[in-house]
Amino acid sequence: MGMVLIIYFFTFAMLVDKGYKLILTIQVITSIIFFISFFYLNRIAFFVTRLLFQKQIPNGEIIRYLDADDMSKKPEELLNILDSKIKNNMTP
């Protein structure tokens, strides 16, 4: 996203000068979407990671118990959270 915004920055003046209104409109709309998505980048990255790794055997079992808020925690704290979530789901 950052590279696209850099390209947008350098092509914006050309689009204004040449009068390409449709491309300029698309560029402005996608720039706003990219800017807003920077605030939710951690959640977006976790969602993509979950999609990619949930079917793999060792990773899928662990990632199923995590959510995006857990990613900002320290490893020891995350291990305790995982341990408690797994124990709660295994008890009959």
PDB file of N, CA and C in Angstrom:
ATOM      1  N   MET A   1       0.813  -1.185   0.000  1.00  0.00           N
ATOM      2  CA  MET A   1       0.000   0.000   0.000  1.00  0.00           C
ATOM      3  C   MET A   1       0.862   1.255   0.000  1.00  0.00           C
ATOM      4  N   GLY A   2       1.955   1.187   0.721  1.00  0.00           N
ATOM      5  CA  GLY A   2       2.837   2.354   0.772  1.00  0.00           C
ATOM      6  C   GLY A   2       3.444   2.687  -0.578  1.00  0.00           C
ATOM      7  N   MET A   3       3.843   1.647  -1.302  1.00  0.00           N
ATOM      8  CA  MET A   3       4.418   1.889  -2.642  1.00  0.00           C
ATOM      9  C   MET A   3       3.379   2.473  -3.592  1.00  0.00           C
ATOM     10  N   VAL A   4       2.156   2.008  -3.491  1.00  0.00           N
ATOM     11  CA  VAL A   4       1.090   2.538  -4.346  1.00  0.00           C
ATOM     12  C   VAL A   4       0.844   4.000  -4.026  1.00  0.00           C
ATOM     13  N   LEU A   5       0.857   4.347  -2.749  1.00  0.00           N
ATOM     14  CA  LEU A   5       0.659   5.749  -2.378  1.00  0.00           C
ATOM     15  C   LEU A   5       1.811   6.628  -2.859  1.00  0.00           C
ATOM     16  N   ILE A   6       3.026   6.100  -2.866  1.00  0.00           N
ATOM     17  CA  ILE A   6       4.164   6.863  -3.405  1.00  0.00           C
ATOM     18  C   ILE A   6       3.989   7.083  -4.905  1.00  0.00           C
ATOM     19  N   ILE A   7       3.578   6.045  -5.612  1.00  0.00           N
ATOM     20  CA  ILE A   7       3.321   6.186  -7.053  1.00  0.00           C
ATOM     21  C   ILE A   7       2.200   7.185  -7.289  1.00  0.00           C
ATOM     22  N   TYR A   8       1.155   7.123  -6.490  1.00  0.00           N
ATOM     23  CA  TYR A   8       0.069   8.093  -6.598  1.00  0.00           C
ATOM     24  C   TYR A   8       0.579   9.518  -6.404  1.00  0.00           C
ATOM     25  N   PHE A   9       1.471   9.697  -5.445  1.00  0.00           N
ATOM     26  CA  PHE A   9       2.006  11.023  -5.157  1.00  0.00           C
ATOM     27  C   PHE A   9       2.716  11.607  -6.379  1.00  0.00           C
ATOM     28  N   PHE A  10       3.511  10.780  -7.070  1.00  0.00           N
ATOM     29  CA  PHE A  10       4.271  11.285  -8.207  1.00  0.00           C
ATOM     30  C   PHE A  10       3.449  11.381  -9.480  1.00  0.00           C
ATOM     31  N   THR A  11       2.318  10.690  -9.575  1.00  0.00           N
ATOM     32  CA  THR A  11       1.504  10.763 -10.792  1.00  0.00           C
ATOM     33  C   THR A  11       0.311  11.698 -10.646  1.00  0.00           C
ATOM     34  N   PHE A  12       0.056  12.201  -9.448  1.00  0.00           N
ATOM     35  CA  PHE A  12      -1.109  13.046  -9.222  1.00  0.00           C
ATOM     36  C   PHE A  12      -1.071  14.306 -10.084  1.00  0.00           C
ATOM     37  N   ALA A  13       0.054  14.984 -10.140  1.00  0.00           N
ATOM     38  CA  ALA A  13       0.163  16.219 -10.928  1.00  0.00           C
ATOM     39  C   ALA A  13      -0.046  15.953 -12.416  1.00  0.00           C
ATOM     40  N   MET A  14       0.484  14.829 -12.912  1.00  0.00           N
ATOM     41  CA  MET A  14       0.302  14.500 -14.324  1.00  0.00           C
ATOM     42  C   MET A  14      -1.178  14.272 -14.636  1.00  0.00           C
ATOM     43  N   LEU A  15      -1.875  13.599 -13.755  1.00  0.00           N
ATOM     44  CA  LEU A  15      -3.293  13.339 -13.990  1.00  0.00           C
ATOM     45  C   LEU A  15      -4.105  14.631 -13.969  1.00  0.00           C
ATOM     46  N   VAL A  16      -3.739  15.559 -13.106  1.00  0.00           N
ATOM     47  CA  VAL A  16      -4.431  16.847 -13.060  1.00  0.00           C
ATOM     48  C   VAL A  16      -4.148  17.641 -14.336  1.00  0.00           C
ATOM     49  N   ASP A  17      -2.888  17.646 -14.777  1.00  0.00           N
ATOM     50  CA  ASP A  17      -2.519  18.394 -15.987  1.00  0.00           C
ATOM     51  C   ASP A  17      -3.159  17.827 -17.242  1.00  0.00           C
ATOM     52  N   LYS A  18      -3.196  16.517 -17.367  1.00  0.00           N
ATOM     53  CA  LYS A  18      -3.738  15.883 -18.576  1.00  0.00           C
ATOM     54  C   LYS A  18      -5.262  15.851 -18.565  1.00  0.00           C
ATOM     55  N   GLY A  19      -5.874  15.971 -17.410  1.00  0.00           N
ATOM     56  CA  GLY A  19      -7.323  16.011 -17.332  1.00  0.00           C
ATOM     57  C   GLY A  19      -7.989  14.651 -17.317  1.00  0.00           C
ATOM     58  N   TYR A  20      -7.303  13.632 -16.841  1.00  0.00           N
ATOM     59  CA  TYR A  20      -7.895  12.301 -16.740  1.00  0.00           C
ATOM     60  C   TYR A  20      -8.760  12.238 -15.478  1.00  0.00           C
ATOM     61  N   LYS A  21     -10.002  12.613 -15.618  1.00  0.00           N
ATOM     62  CA  LYS A  21     -10.884  12.729 -14.451  1.00  0.00           C
ATOM     63  C   LYS A  21     -11.215  11.371 -13.826  1.00  0.00           C
ATOM     64  N   LEU A  22     -11.467  10.345 -14.622  1.00  0.00           N
ATOM     65  CA  LEU A  22     -11.849   9.044 -14.089  1.00  0.00           C
ATOM     66  C   LEU A  22     -10.702   8.417 -13.298  1.00  0.00           C
ATOM     67  N   ILE A  23      -9.508   8.438 -13.878  1.00  0.00           N
ATOM     68  CA  ILE A  23      -8.350   7.854 -13.193  1.00  0.00           C
ATOM     69  C   ILE A  23      -8.033   8.655 -11.933  1.00  0.00           C
ATOM     70  N   LEU A  24      -8.165   9.957 -12.011  1.00  0.00           N
ATOM     71  CA  LEU A  24      -7.928  10.807 -10.844  1.00  0.00           C
ATOM     72  C   LEU A  24      -8.937  10.507  -9.737  1.00  0.00           C
ATOM     73  N   THR A  25     -10.187  10.301 -10.097  1.00  0.00           N
ATOM     74  CA  THR A  25     -11.218   9.975  -9.116  1.00  0.00           C
ATOM     75  C   THR A  25     -10.926   8.625  -8.459  1.00  0.00           C
ATOM     76  N   ILE A  26     -10.552   7.633  -9.265  1.00  0.00           N
ATOM     77  CA  ILE A  26     -10.206   6.318  -8.731  1.00  0.00           C
ATOM     78  C   ILE A  26      -9.009   6.430  -7.791  1.00  0.00           C
ATOM     79  N   GLN A  27      -8.037   7.235  -8.185  1.00  0.00           N
ATOM     80  CA  GLN A  27      -6.842   7.410  -7.364  1.00  0.00           C
ATOM     81  C   GLN A  27      -7.175   8.066  -6.025  1.00  0.00           C
ATOM     82  N   VAL A  28      -8.028   9.041  -6.024  1.00  0.00           N
ATOM     83  CA  VAL A  28      -8.409   9.716  -4.777  1.00  0.00           C
ATOM     84  C   VAL A  28      -9.188   8.765  -3.873  1.00  0.00           C
ATOM     85  N   ILE A  29     -10.123   8.012  -4.443  1.00  0.00           N
ATOM     86  CA  ILE A  29     -10.924   7.092  -3.640  1.00  0.00           C
ATOM     87  C   ILE A  29     -10.047   5.995  -3.030  1.00  0.00           C
ATOM     88  N   THR A  30      -9.171   5.391  -3.827  1.00  0.00           N
ATOM     89  CA  THR A  30      -8.311   4.340  -3.295  1.00  0.00           C
ATOM     90  C   THR A  30      -7.297   4.893  -2.293  1.00  0.00           C
ATOM     91  N   SER A  31      -6.859   6.119  -2.483  1.00  0.00           N
ATOM     92  CA  SER A  31      -5.950   6.728  -1.498  1.00  0.00           C
ATOM     93  C   SER A  31      -6.630   6.878  -0.142  1.00  0.00           C
ATOM     94  N   ILE A  32      -7.877   7.284  -0.146  1.00  0.00           N
ATOM     95  CA  ILE A  32      -8.621   7.418   1.109  1.00  0.00           C
ATOM     96  C   ILE A  32      -8.808   6.053   1.762  1.00  0.00           C
ATOM     97  N   ILE A  33      -9.129   5.036   0.957  1.00  0.00           N
ATOM     98  CA  ILE A  33      -9.287   3.681   1.494  1.00  0.00           C
ATOM     99  C   ILE A  33      -7.973   3.181   2.081  1.00  0.00           C
ATOM    100  N   PHE A  34      -6.858   3.411   1.375  1.00  0.00           N
ATOM    101  CA  PHE A  34      -5.552   2.992   1.878  1.00  0.00           C
ATOM    102  C   PHE A  34      -5.212   3.708   3.183  1.00  0.00           C
ATOM    103  N   PHE A  35      -5.490   4.999   3.237  1.00  0.00           N
ATOM    104  CA  PHE A  35      -5.176   5.774   4.431  1.00  0.00           C
ATOM    105  C   PHE A  35      -5.959   5.252   5.635  1.00  0.00           C
ATOM    106  N   ILE A  36      -7.235   4.977   5.440  1.00  0.00           N
ATOM    107  CA  ILE A  36      -8.051   4.449   6.532  1.00  0.00           C
ATOM    108  C   ILE A  36      -7.584   3.055   6.934  1.00  0.00           C
ATOM    109  N   SER A  37      -7.180   2.239   5.960  1.00  0.00           N
ATOM    110  CA  SER A  37      -6.761   0.868   6.274  1.00  0.00           C
ATOM    111  C   SER A  37      -5.443   0.822   7.049  1.00  0.00           C
ATOM    112  N   PHE A  38      -4.640   1.883   6.997  1.00  0.00           N
ATOM    113  CA  PHE A  38      -3.411   1.916   7.791  1.00  0.00           C
ATOM    114  C   PHE A  38      -3.715   1.831   9.286  1.00  0.00           C
ATOM    115  N   PHE A  39      -4.867   2.344   9.712  1.00  0.00           N
ATOM    116  CA  PHE A  39      -5.235   2.291  11.122  1.00  0.00           C
ATOM    117  C   PHE A  39      -5.662   0.893  11.547  1.00  0.00           C
ATOM    118  N   TYR A  40      -6.072   0.067  10.583  1.00  0.00           N
ATOM    119  CA  TYR A  40      -6.518  -1.293  10.876  1.00  0.00           C
ATOM    120  C   TYR A  40      -5.564  -2.329  10.301  1.00  0.00           C
ATOM    121  N   LEU A  41      -4.323  -1.958  10.080  1.00  0.00           N
ATOM    122  CA  LEU A  41      -3.367  -2.840   9.424  1.00  0.00           C
ATOM    123  C   LEU A  41      -3.088  -4.103  10.230  1.00  0.00           C
ATOM    124  N   ASN A  42      -3.044  -4.007  11.545  1.00  0.00           N
ATOM    125  CA  ASN A  42      -2.791  -5.180  12.382  1.00  0.00           C
ATOM    126  C   ASN A  42      -3.909  -6.205  12.221  1.00  0.00           C
ATOM    127  N   ARG A  43      -5.152  -5.743  12.234  1.00  0.00           N
ATOM    128  CA  ARG A  43      -6.289  -6.654  12.074  1.00  0.00           C
ATOM    129  C   ARG A  43      -6.333  -7.250  10.667  1.00  0.00           C
ATOM    130  N   ILE A  44      -6.037  -6.445   9.658  1.00  0.00           N
ATOM    131  CA  ILE A  44      -6.038  -6.938   8.278  1.00  0.00           C
ATOM    132  C   ILE A  44      -4.948  -7.987   8.092  1.00  0.00           C
ATOM    133  N   ALA A  45      -3.753  -7.720   8.619  1.00  0.00           N
ATOM    134  CA  ALA A  45      -2.652  -8.679   8.496  1.00  0.00           C
ATOM    135  C   ALA A  45      -2.965  -9.978   9.234  1.00  0.00           C
ATOM    136  N   PHE A  46      -3.592  -9.882  10.407  1.00  0.00           N
ATOM    137  CA  PHE A  46      -3.952 -11.092  11.135  1.00  0.00           C
ATOM    138  C   PHE A  46      -5.017 -11.888  10.387  1.00  0.00           C
ATOM    139  N   PHE A  47      -5.982 -11.211   9.780  1.00  0.00           N
ATOM    140  CA  PHE A  47      -7.014 -11.895   9.011  1.00  0.00           C
ATOM    141  C   PHE A  47      -6.403 -12.642   7.831  1.00  0.00           C
ATOM    142  N   VAL A  48      -5.482 -12.012   7.112  1.00  0.00           N
ATOM    143  CA  VAL A  48      -4.823 -12.666   5.976  1.00  0.00           C
ATOM    144  C   VAL A  48      -3.974 -13.839   6.463  1.00  0.00           C
ATOM    145  N   THR A  49      -3.257 -13.652   7.561  1.00  0.00           N
ATOM    146  CA  THR A  49      -2.451 -14.736   8.121  1.00  0.00           C
ATOM    147  C   THR A  49      -3.320 -15.912   8.525  1.00  0.00           C
ATOM    148  N   ARG A  50      -4.447 -15.617   9.142  1.00  0.00           N
ATOM    149  CA  ARG A  50      -5.361 -16.687   9.536  1.00  0.00           C
ATOM    150  C   ARG A  50      -5.880 -17.436   8.311  1.00  0.00           C
ATOM    151  N   LEU A  51      -6.201 -16.721   7.241  1.00  0.00           N
ATOM    152  CA  LEU A  51      -6.665 -17.387   6.022  1.00  0.00           C
ATOM    153  C   LEU A  51      -5.586 -18.291   5.422  1.00  0.00           C
ATOM    154  N   LEU A  52      -4.348 -17.824   5.455  1.00  0.00           N
ATOM    155  CA  LEU A  52      -3.265 -18.587   4.838  1.00  0.00           C
ATOM    156  C   LEU A  52      -2.851 -19.811   5.640  1.00  0.00           C
ATOM    157  N   PHE A  53      -2.850 -19.712   6.965  1.00  0.00           N
ATOM    158  CA  PHE A  53      -2.267 -20.761   7.793  1.00  0.00           C
ATOM    159  C   PHE A  53      -3.257 -21.612   8.572  1.00  0.00           C
ATOM    160  N   GLN A  54      -4.554 -21.365   8.461  1.00  0.00           N
ATOM    161  CA  GLN A  54      -5.492 -22.107   9.281  1.00  0.00           C
ATOM    162  C   GLN A  54      -5.629 -23.571   8.858  1.00  0.00           C
ATOM    163  N   LYS A  55      -5.252 -23.903   7.639  1.00  0.00           N
ATOM    164  CA  LYS A  55      -5.372 -25.279   7.176  1.00  0.00           C
ATOM    165  C   LYS A  55      -4.103 -26.100   7.411  1.00  0.00           C
ATOM    166  N   GLN A  56      -3.023 -25.466   7.797  1.00  0.00           N
ATOM    167  CA  GLN A  56      -1.801 -26.205   8.089  1.00  0.00           C
ATOM    168  C   GLN A  56      -1.898 -26.799   9.484  1.00  0.00           C
ATOM    169  N   ILE A  57      -1.389 -27.999   9.612  1.00  0.00           N
ATOM    170  CA  ILE A  57      -1.603 -28.772  10.842  1.00  0.00           C
ATOM    171  C   ILE A  57      -1.051 -28.094  12.105  1.00  0.00           C
ATOM    172  N   PRO A  58       0.227 -27.778  12.235  1.00  0.00           N
ATOM    173  CA  PRO A  58       0.641 -27.222  13.539  1.00  0.00           C
ATOM    174  C   PRO A  58       0.151 -25.790  13.758  1.00  0.00           C
ATOM    175  N   ASN A  59       0.081 -25.004  12.682  1.00  0.00           N
ATOM    176  CA  ASN A  59      -0.297 -23.598  12.834  1.00  0.00           C
ATOM    177  C   ASN A  59      -1.793 -23.414  12.993  1.00  0.00           C
ATOM    178  N   GLY A  60      -2.571 -24.194  12.280  1.00  0.00           N
ATOM    179  CA  GLY A  60      -4.016 -24.026  12.306  1.00  0.00           C
ATOM    180  C   GLY A  60      -4.633 -24.282  13.655  1.00  0.00           C
ATOM    181  N   GLU A  61      -4.088 -25.240  14.378  1.00  0.00           N
ATOM    182  CA  GLU A  61      -4.624 -25.544  15.699  1.00  0.00           C
ATOM    183  C   GLU A  61      -4.360 -24.414  16.688  1.00  0.00           C
ATOM    184  N   ILE A  62      -3.244 -23.758  16.543  1.00  0.00           N
ATOM    185  CA  ILE A  62      -2.896 -22.662  17.450  1.00  0.00           C
ATOM    186  C   ILE A  62      -3.598 -21.374  17.048  1.00  0.00           C
ATOM    187  N   ILE A  63      -3.604 -21.068  15.776  1.00  0.00           N
ATOM    188  CA  ILE A  63      -4.145 -19.784  15.321  1.00  0.00           C
ATOM    189  C   ILE A  63      -5.660 -19.715  15.495  1.00  0.00           C
ATOM    190  N   ARG A  64      -6.293 -20.847  15.622  1.00  0.00           N
ATOM    191  CA  ARG A  64      -7.740 -20.881  15.835  1.00  0.00           C
ATOM    192  C   ARG A  64      -8.111 -20.233  17.175  1.00  0.00           C
ATOM    193  N   TYR A  65      -7.229 -20.310  18.156  1.00  0.00           N
ATOM    194  CA  TYR A  65      -7.511 -19.768  19.488  1.00  0.00           C
ATOM    195  C   TYR A  65      -7.110 -18.300  19.637  1.00  0.00           C
ATOM    196  N   LEU A  66      -6.513 -17.711  18.633  1.00  0.00           N
ATOM    197  CA  LEU A  66      -6.017 -16.335  18.734  1.00  0.00           C
ATOM    198  C   LEU A  66      -6.960 -15.357  18.055  1.00  0.00           C
ATOM    199  N   ASP A  67      -6.874 -14.111  18.465  1.00  0.00           N
ATOM    200  CA  ASP A  67      -7.522 -13.029  17.726  1.00  0.00           C
ATOM    201  C   ASP A  67      -6.516 -11.897  17.549  1.00  0.00           C
ATOM    202  N   ALA A  68      -6.912 -10.865  16.834  1.00  0.00           N
ATOM    203  CA  ALA A  68      -5.970  -9.801  16.460  1.00  0.00           C
ATOM    204  C   ALA A  68      -5.437  -9.047  17.674  1.00  0.00           C
ATOM    205  N   ASP A  69      -6.206  -8.944  18.726  1.00  0.00           N
ATOM    206  CA  ASP A  69      -5.748  -8.229  19.924  1.00  0.00           C
ATOM    207  C   ASP A  69      -4.634  -8.974  20.654  1.00  0.00           C
ATOM    208  N   ASP A  70      -4.569 -10.283  20.473  1.00  0.00           N
ATOM    209  CA  ASP A  70      -3.530 -11.067  21.134  1.00  0.00           C
ATOM    210  C   ASP A  70      -2.145 -10.833  20.537  1.00  0.00           C
ATOM    211  N   MET A  71      -2.064 -10.324  19.345  1.00  0.00           N
ATOM    212  CA  MET A  71      -0.781 -10.170  18.663  1.00  0.00           C
ATOM    213  C   MET A  71       0.094  -9.080  19.280  1.00  0.00           C
ATOM    214  N   SER A  72      -0.488  -8.177  20.023  1.00  0.00           N
ATOM    215  CA  SER A  72       0.300  -7.093  20.619  1.00  0.00           C
ATOM    216  C   SER A  72       0.822  -7.449  22.014  1.00  0.00           C
ATOM    217  N   LYS A  73       0.547  -8.655  22.464  1.00  0.00           N
ATOM    218  CA  LYS A  73       0.971  -9.063  23.805  1.00  0.00           C
ATOM    219  C   LYS A  73       2.376  -9.662  23.787  1.00  0.00           C
ATOM    220  N   LYS A  74       2.988  -9.707  24.944  1.00  0.00           N
ATOM    221  CA  LYS A  74       4.315 -10.322  25.083  1.00  0.00           C
ATOM    222  C   LYS A  74       4.187 -11.837  24.915  1.00  0.00           C
ATOM    223  N   PRO A  75       5.266 -12.501  24.480  1.00  0.00           N
ATOM    224  CA  PRO A  75       5.186 -13.955  24.241  1.00  0.00           C
ATOM    225  C   PRO A  75       4.770 -14.760  25.468  1.00  0.00           C
ATOM    226  N   GLU A  76       5.255 -14.396  26.648  1.00  0.00           N
ATOM    227  CA  GLU A  76       4.900 -15.141  27.851  1.00  0.00           C
ATOM    228  C   GLU A  76       3.414 -14.995  28.160  1.00  0.00           C
ATOM    229  N   GLU A  77       2.917 -13.784  28.012  1.00  0.00           N
ATOM    230  CA  GLU A  77       1.501 -13.518  28.256  1.00  0.00           C
ATOM    231  C   GLU A  77       0.635 -14.231  27.210  1.00  0.00           C
ATOM    232  N   LEU A  78       1.096 -14.243  25.978  1.00  0.00           N
ATOM    233  CA  LEU A  78       0.375 -14.926  24.906  1.00  0.00           C
ATOM    234  C   LEU A  78       0.331 -16.436  25.140  1.00  0.00           C
ATOM    235  N   LEU A  79       1.427 -16.982  25.642  1.00  0.00           N
ATOM    236  CA  LEU A  79       1.461 -18.409  25.949  1.00  0.00           C
ATOM    237  C   LEU A  79       0.478 -18.758  27.056  1.00  0.00           C
ATOM    238  N   ASN A  80       0.370 -17.911  28.068  1.00  0.00           N
ATOM    239  CA  ASN A  80      -0.604 -18.142  29.143  1.00  0.00           C
ATOM    240  C   ASN A  80      -2.034 -18.057  28.620  1.00  0.00           C
ATOM    241  N   ILE A  81      -2.296 -17.098  27.752  1.00  0.00           N
ATOM    242  CA  ILE A  81      -3.638 -16.958  27.171  1.00  0.00           C
ATOM    243  C   ILE A  81      -3.985 -18.181  26.342  1.00  0.00           C
ATOM    244  N   LEU A  82      -3.047 -18.619  25.511  1.00  0.00           N
ATOM    245  CA  LEU A  82      -3.275 -19.803  24.685  1.00  0.00           C
ATOM    246  C   LEU A  82      -3.512 -21.038  25.553  1.00  0.00           C
ATOM    247  N   ASP A  83      -2.716 -21.179  26.575  1.00  0.00           N
ATOM    248  CA  ASP A  83      -2.848 -22.332  27.457  1.00  0.00           C
ATOM    249  C   ASP A  83      -4.226 -22.362  28.120  1.00  0.00           C
ATOM    250  N   SER A  84      -4.691 -21.212  28.588  1.00  0.00           N
ATOM    251  CA  SER A  84      -6.002 -21.170  29.240  1.00  0.00           C
ATOM    252  C   SER A  84      -7.132 -21.401  28.244  1.00  0.00           C
ATOM    253  N   LYS A  85      -7.013 -20.866  27.027  1.00  0.00           N
ATOM    254  CA  LYS A  85      -8.062 -21.071  26.023  1.00  0.00           C
ATOM    255  C   LYS A  85      -8.125 -22.532  25.590  1.00  0.00           C
ATOM    256  N   ILE A  86      -6.982 -23.159  25.442  1.00  0.00           N
ATOM    257  CA  ILE A  86      -6.965 -24.571  25.027  1.00  0.00           C
ATOM    258  C   ILE A  86      -7.527 -25.438  26.143  1.00  0.00           C
ATOM    259  N   LYS A  87      -7.164 -25.159  27.394  1.00  0.00           N
ATOM    260  CA  LYS A  87      -7.692 -25.956  28.520  1.00  0.00           C
ATOM    261  C   LYS A  87      -9.194 -25.784  28.649  1.00  0.00           C
ATOM    262  N   ASN A  88      -9.710 -24.564  28.438  1.00  0.00           N
ATOM    263  CA  ASN A  88     -11.153 -24.328  28.545  1.00  0.00           C
ATOM    264  C   ASN A  88     -11.929 -25.067  27.461  1.00  0.00           C
ATOM    265  N   ASN A  89     -11.355 -25.204  26.280  1.00  0.00           N
ATOM    266  CA  ASN A  89     -12.029 -25.895  25.187  1.00  0.00           C
ATOM    267  C   ASN A  89     -11.910 -27.404  25.288  1.00  0.00           C
ATOM    268  N   MET A  90     -10.929 -27.907  26.020  1.00  0.00           N
ATOM    269  CA  MET A  90     -10.742 -29.355  26.118  1.00  0.00           C
ATOM    270  C   MET A  90     -11.503 -29.977  27.273  1.00  0.00           C
ATOM    271  N   THR A  91     -11.912 -29.170  28.247  1.00  0.00           N
ATOM    272  CA  THR A  91     -12.639 -29.748  29.371  1.00  0.00           C
ATOM    273  C   THR A  91     -14.060 -30.102  28.935  1.00  0.00           C
ATOM    274  N   PRO A  92     -14.546 -31.278  29.326  1.00  0.00           N
ATOM    275  CA  PRO A  92     -15.903 -31.690  28.895  1.00  0.00           C
ATOM    276  C   PRO A  92     -16.991 -31.014  29.682  1.00  0.00           C
TER     277      PRO A  92
END
